């Protein structure tokens, strides 16, 4: 079963939303998330939980975690939310460089997905739409 890892900054907004969405879309993958600067144990933001609930996906029990070498090594594909996240991971884990992409880069729809933290529910909805679009466009068939 391919292991997909989503990475953002704090692992409380974008990557948990992407994780929840891909889990709902693809039961044939093991999907998880982490952050490059997270506090282990933090919950997803209330706005992230709310916009995901509106899609019928429950991320209310999400618990943030820091990206570590063990987590990076276990993943078959690592999809970050921004170019900066990708650069951080490639710098910290150069041996994993070939499996690290931004989500939009992997999907062929752009580069960065902005951080909705401390913004409005409407901005979260916009970001969720970008994640949905990227996941729908992404070709996961060759991930092993």
C-alpha atoms as a PDB file:
ATOM      1  CA  UNK A   1       0.000   0.000   0.000  1.00  0.00           C
ATOM      2  CA  UNK A   2       1.622   3.304  -1.078  1.00  0.00           C
ATOM      3  CA  UNK A   3       2.323   5.765   1.743  1.00  0.00           C
ATOM      4  CA  UNK A   4       1.525   9.426   0.987  1.00  0.00           C
ATOM      5  CA  UNK A   5       2.659  12.171   3.382  1.00  0.00           C
ATOM      6  CA  UNK A   6       1.331  15.748   3.258  1.00  0.00           C
ATOM      7  CA  UNK A   7       3.478  18.463   4.851  1.00  0.00           C
ATOM      8  CA  UNK A   8       2.710  22.078   5.756  1.00  0.00           C
ATOM      9  CA  UNK A   9       3.996  24.404   8.464  1.00  0.00           C
ATOM     10  CA  UNK A  10       2.181  23.547  11.695  1.00  0.00           C
ATOM     11  CA  UNK A  11       0.197  20.471  10.581  1.00  0.00           C
ATOM     12  CA  UNK A  12      -3.034  22.103  11.767  1.00  0.00           C
ATOM     13  CA  UNK A  13      -4.642  23.471   8.559  1.00  0.00           C
ATOM     14  CA  UNK A  14      -3.570  22.502   5.044  1.00  0.00           C
ATOM     15  CA  UNK A  15      -1.908  19.129   5.494  1.00  0.00           C
ATOM     16  CA  UNK A  16      -4.663  17.688   7.735  1.00  0.00           C
ATOM     17  CA  UNK A  17      -7.265  18.842   5.191  1.00  0.00           C
ATOM     18  CA  UNK A  18      -5.308  17.225   2.342  1.00  0.00           C
ATOM     19  CA  UNK A  19      -4.854  14.071   4.422  1.00  0.00           C
ATOM     20  CA  UNK A  20      -8.576  13.836   5.168  1.00  0.00           C
ATOM     21  CA  UNK A  21      -9.532  14.444   1.546  1.00  0.00           C
ATOM     22  CA  UNK A  22      -7.149  11.876   0.071  1.00  0.00           C
ATOM     23  CA  UNK A  23      -8.178   9.296   2.669  1.00  0.00           C
ATOM     24  CA  UNK A  24     -11.780   9.817   1.543  1.00  0.00           C
ATOM     25  CA  UNK A  25     -10.782   9.586  -2.132  1.00  0.00           C
ATOM     26  CA  UNK A  26      -8.325   6.661  -2.029  1.00  0.00           C
ATOM     27  CA  UNK A  27      -8.728   3.835   0.451  1.00  0.00           C
ATOM     28  CA  UNK A  28      -5.875   2.020  -1.289  1.00  0.00           C
ATOM     29  CA  UNK A  29      -3.291   4.457   0.150  1.00  0.00           C
ATOM     30  CA  UNK A  30      -1.918   4.958   3.639  1.00  0.00           C
ATOM     31  CA  UNK A  31      -2.187   8.744   4.068  1.00  0.00           C
ATOM     32  CA  UNK A  32      -0.690  10.875   6.835  1.00  0.00           C
ATOM     33  CA  UNK A  33       0.539  14.400   7.489  1.00  0.00           C
ATOM     34  CA  UNK A  34       3.168  16.342   9.410  1.00  0.00           C
ATOM     35  CA  UNK A  35       4.601  19.838   9.740  1.00  0.00           C
ATOM     36  CA  UNK A  36       8.014  21.419   9.325  1.00  0.00           C
ATOM     37  CA  UNK A  37       7.409  23.566  12.407  1.00  0.00           C
ATOM     38  CA  UNK A  38       4.625  21.944  14.372  1.00  0.00           C
ATOM     39  CA  UNK A  39       3.776  21.434  18.003  1.00  0.00           C
ATOM     40  CA  UNK A  40       3.048  17.761  18.582  1.00  0.00           C
ATOM     41  CA  UNK A  41      -0.481  17.152  19.773  1.00  0.00           C
ATOM     42  CA  UNK A  42      -2.148  20.358  18.579  1.00  0.00           C
ATOM     43  CA  UNK A  43      -5.580  19.912  17.048  1.00  0.00           C
ATOM     44  CA  UNK A  44      -6.573  21.067  13.583  1.00  0.00           C
ATOM     45  CA  UNK A  45      -7.902  24.612  13.604  1.00  0.00           C
ATOM     46  CA  UNK A  46     -11.642  25.072  14.179  1.00  0.00           C
ATOM     47  CA  UNK A  47     -11.985  26.510  10.669  1.00  0.00           C
ATOM     48  CA  UNK A  48     -10.255  23.503   9.086  1.00  0.00           C
ATOM     49  CA  UNK A  49     -12.486  21.143  11.056  1.00  0.00           C
ATOM     50  CA  UNK A  50     -15.606  23.094  10.027  1.00  0.00           C
ATOM     51  CA  UNK A  51     -14.890  23.275   6.283  1.00  0.00           C
ATOM     52  CA  UNK A  52     -14.004  19.584   6.252  1.00  0.00           C
ATOM     53  CA  UNK A  53     -17.200  18.700   8.153  1.00  0.00           C
ATOM     54  CA  UNK A  54     -19.109  20.468   5.398  1.00  0.00           C
ATOM     55  CA  UNK A  55     -17.487  17.985   2.978  1.00  0.00           C
ATOM     56  CA  UNK A  56     -18.529  15.108   5.229  1.00  0.00           C
ATOM     57  CA  UNK A  57     -14.993  14.471   6.489  1.00  0.00           C
ATOM     58  CA  UNK A  58     -14.134  14.460  10.203  1.00  0.00           C
ATOM     59  CA  UNK A  59     -10.646  15.702  11.116  1.00  0.00           C
ATOM     60  CA  UNK A  60     -11.624  16.710  14.657  1.00  0.00           C
ATOM     61  CA  UNK A  61      -9.340  14.090  16.203  1.00  0.00           C
ATOM     62  CA  UNK A  62      -6.305  15.157  14.182  1.00  0.00           C
ATOM     63  CA  UNK A  63      -3.140  15.515  16.265  1.00  0.00           C
ATOM     64  CA  UNK A  64      -0.281  17.567  14.812  1.00  0.00           C
ATOM     65  CA  UNK A  65       3.200  16.102  14.561  1.00  0.00           C
ATOM     66  CA  UNK A  66       6.611  17.287  13.489  1.00  0.00           C
ATOM     67  CA  UNK A  67       8.145  15.829  10.330  1.00  0.00           C
ATOM     68  CA  UNK A  68      11.026  13.583  11.386  1.00  0.00           C
ATOM     69  CA  UNK A  69      13.510  11.424   9.550  1.00  0.00           C
ATOM     70  CA  UNK A  70      11.509   8.322  10.435  1.00  0.00           C
ATOM     71  CA  UNK A  71       8.290   9.836   9.020  1.00  0.00           C
ATOM     72  CA  UNK A  72      10.082  11.051   5.870  1.00  0.00           C
ATOM     73  CA  UNK A  73      11.772   7.696   5.298  1.00  0.00           C
ATOM     74  CA  UNK A  74       8.500   5.779   5.689  1.00  0.00           C
ATOM     75  CA  UNK A  75       6.715   7.785   2.959  1.00  0.00           C
ATOM     76  CA  UNK A  76       6.706   6.785  -0.704  1.00  0.00           C
ATOM     77  CA  UNK A  77       5.584  10.264  -1.815  1.00  0.00           C
ATOM     78  CA  UNK A  78       5.809  13.550   0.094  1.00  0.00           C
ATOM     79  CA  UNK A  79       3.578  16.415  -0.991  1.00  0.00           C
ATOM     80  CA  UNK A  80       4.212  19.815   0.553  1.00  0.00           C
ATOM     81  CA  UNK A  81       1.968  22.844   0.508  1.00  0.00           C
ATOM     82  CA  UNK A  82       4.669  25.309  -0.584  1.00  0.00           C
ATOM     83  CA  UNK A  83       7.994  25.471  -2.344  1.00  0.00           C
ATOM     84  CA  UNK A  84       9.525  26.594   0.972  1.00  0.00           C
ATOM     85  CA  UNK A  85       8.324  23.427   2.742  1.00  0.00           C
ATOM     86  CA  UNK A  86       9.810  21.386  -0.110  1.00  0.00           C
ATOM     87  CA  UNK A  87      13.149  23.224   0.203  1.00  0.00           C
ATOM     88  CA  UNK A  88      13.254  22.671   3.975  1.00  0.00           C
ATOM     89  CA  UNK A  89      12.622  18.947   3.611  1.00  0.00           C
ATOM     90  CA  UNK A  90      15.097  18.530   0.757  1.00  0.00           C
ATOM     91  CA  UNK A  91      17.726  20.375   2.786  1.00  0.00           C
ATOM     92  CA  UNK A  92      17.071  18.349   5.951  1.00  0.00           C
ATOM     93  CA  UNK A  93      16.586  15.006   4.166  1.00  0.00           C
ATOM     94  CA  UNK A  94      18.566  15.147   0.899  1.00  0.00           C
ATOM     95  CA  UNK A  95      18.361  11.367   0.499  1.00  0.00           C
ATOM     96  CA  UNK A  96      14.557  11.741   0.074  1.00  0.00           C
ATOM     97  CA  UNK A  97      14.691  14.553  -2.515  1.00  0.00           C
ATOM     98  CA  UNK A  98      13.381  12.471  -5.402  1.00  0.00           C
ATOM     99  CA  UNK A  99      10.063  11.824  -3.631  1.00  0.00           C
ATOM    100  CA  UNK A 100       9.342  15.393  -2.448  1.00  0.00           C
ATOM    101  CA  UNK A 101       7.111  17.728  -4.491  1.00  0.00           C
ATOM    102  CA  UNK A 102       4.656  20.499  -3.796  1.00  0.00           C
ATOM    103  CA  UNK A 103       1.091  19.214  -4.124  1.00  0.00           C
ATOM    104  CA  UNK A 104       0.307  21.638  -6.939  1.00  0.00           C
ATOM    105  CA  UNK A 105       3.574  20.819  -8.710  1.00  0.00           C
ATOM    106  CA  UNK A 106       2.743  17.094  -8.549  1.00  0.00           C
ATOM    107  CA  UNK A 107      -0.741  17.841  -9.905  1.00  0.00           C
ATOM    108  CA  UNK A 108       0.518  20.228 -12.587  1.00  0.00           C
ATOM    109  CA  UNK A 109      -1.685  23.050 -11.284  1.00  0.00           C
ATOM    110  CA  UNK A 110       0.865  25.530  -9.896  1.00  0.00           C
ATOM    111  CA  UNK A 111       3.260  25.714  -6.974  1.00  0.00           C
ATOM    112  CA  UNK A 112       2.076  27.015  -3.576  1.00  0.00           C
ATOM    113  CA  UNK A 113      -1.056  26.656  -1.488  1.00  0.00           C
ATOM    114  CA  UNK A 114      -1.262  29.654   0.854  1.00  0.00           C
ATOM    115  CA  UNK A 115      -1.557  29.303   4.622  1.00  0.00           C
ATOM    116  CA  UNK A 116      -5.100  30.022   5.869  1.00  0.00           C
ATOM    117  CA  UNK A 117      -4.052  30.174   9.552  1.00  0.00           C
ATOM    118  CA  UNK A 118      -5.524  33.262  11.272  1.00  0.00           C
ATOM    119  CA  UNK A 119      -7.785  34.042   8.305  1.00  0.00           C
ATOM    120  CA  UNK A 120     -11.501  33.727   7.626  1.00  0.00           C
ATOM    121  CA  UNK A 121     -13.614  30.657   7.031  1.00  0.00           C
ATOM    122  CA  UNK A 122     -14.053  31.909   3.460  1.00  0.00           C
ATOM    123  CA  UNK A 123     -10.285  31.798   2.930  1.00  0.00           C
ATOM    124  CA  UNK A 124     -10.197  28.250   4.332  1.00  0.00           C
ATOM    125  CA  UNK A 125     -12.918  27.308   1.839  1.00  0.00           C
ATOM    126  CA  UNK A 126     -10.853  28.774  -0.995  1.00  0.00           C
ATOM    127  CA  UNK A 127      -7.735  26.869   0.137  1.00  0.00           C
ATOM    128  CA  UNK A 128      -9.772  23.672   0.488  1.00  0.00           C
ATOM    129  CA  UNK A 129     -10.946  24.152  -3.089  1.00  0.00           C
ATOM    130  CA  UNK A 130      -7.333  24.456  -4.272  1.00  0.00           C
ATOM    131  CA  UNK A 131      -6.413  21.248  -2.435  1.00  0.00           C
ATOM    132  CA  UNK A 132      -9.419  19.403  -3.891  1.00  0.00           C
ATOM    133  CA  UNK A 133      -8.518  20.576  -7.402  1.00  0.00           C
ATOM    134  CA  UNK A 134      -4.887  19.491  -7.013  1.00  0.00           C
ATOM    135  CA  UNK A 135      -5.862  16.079  -5.632  1.00  0.00           C
ATOM    136  CA  UNK A 136      -8.319  15.527  -8.470  1.00  0.00           C
ATOM    137  CA  UNK A 137      -5.671  16.468 -11.060  1.00  0.00           C
ATOM    138  CA  UNK A 138      -2.816  14.490  -9.489  1.00  0.00           C
ATOM    139  CA  UNK A 139      -1.800  11.188 -11.055  1.00  0.00           C
ATOM    140  CA  UNK A 140      -1.164   8.794  -8.183  1.00  0.00           C
ATOM    141  CA  UNK A 141      -1.110   5.662 -10.346  1.00  0.00           C
ATOM    142  CA  UNK A 142       2.697   5.301 -10.419  1.00  0.00           C
ATOM    143  CA  UNK A 143       3.192   5.804  -6.676  1.00  0.00           C
ATOM    144  CA  UNK A 144       4.701   2.714  -5.127  1.00  0.00           C
END
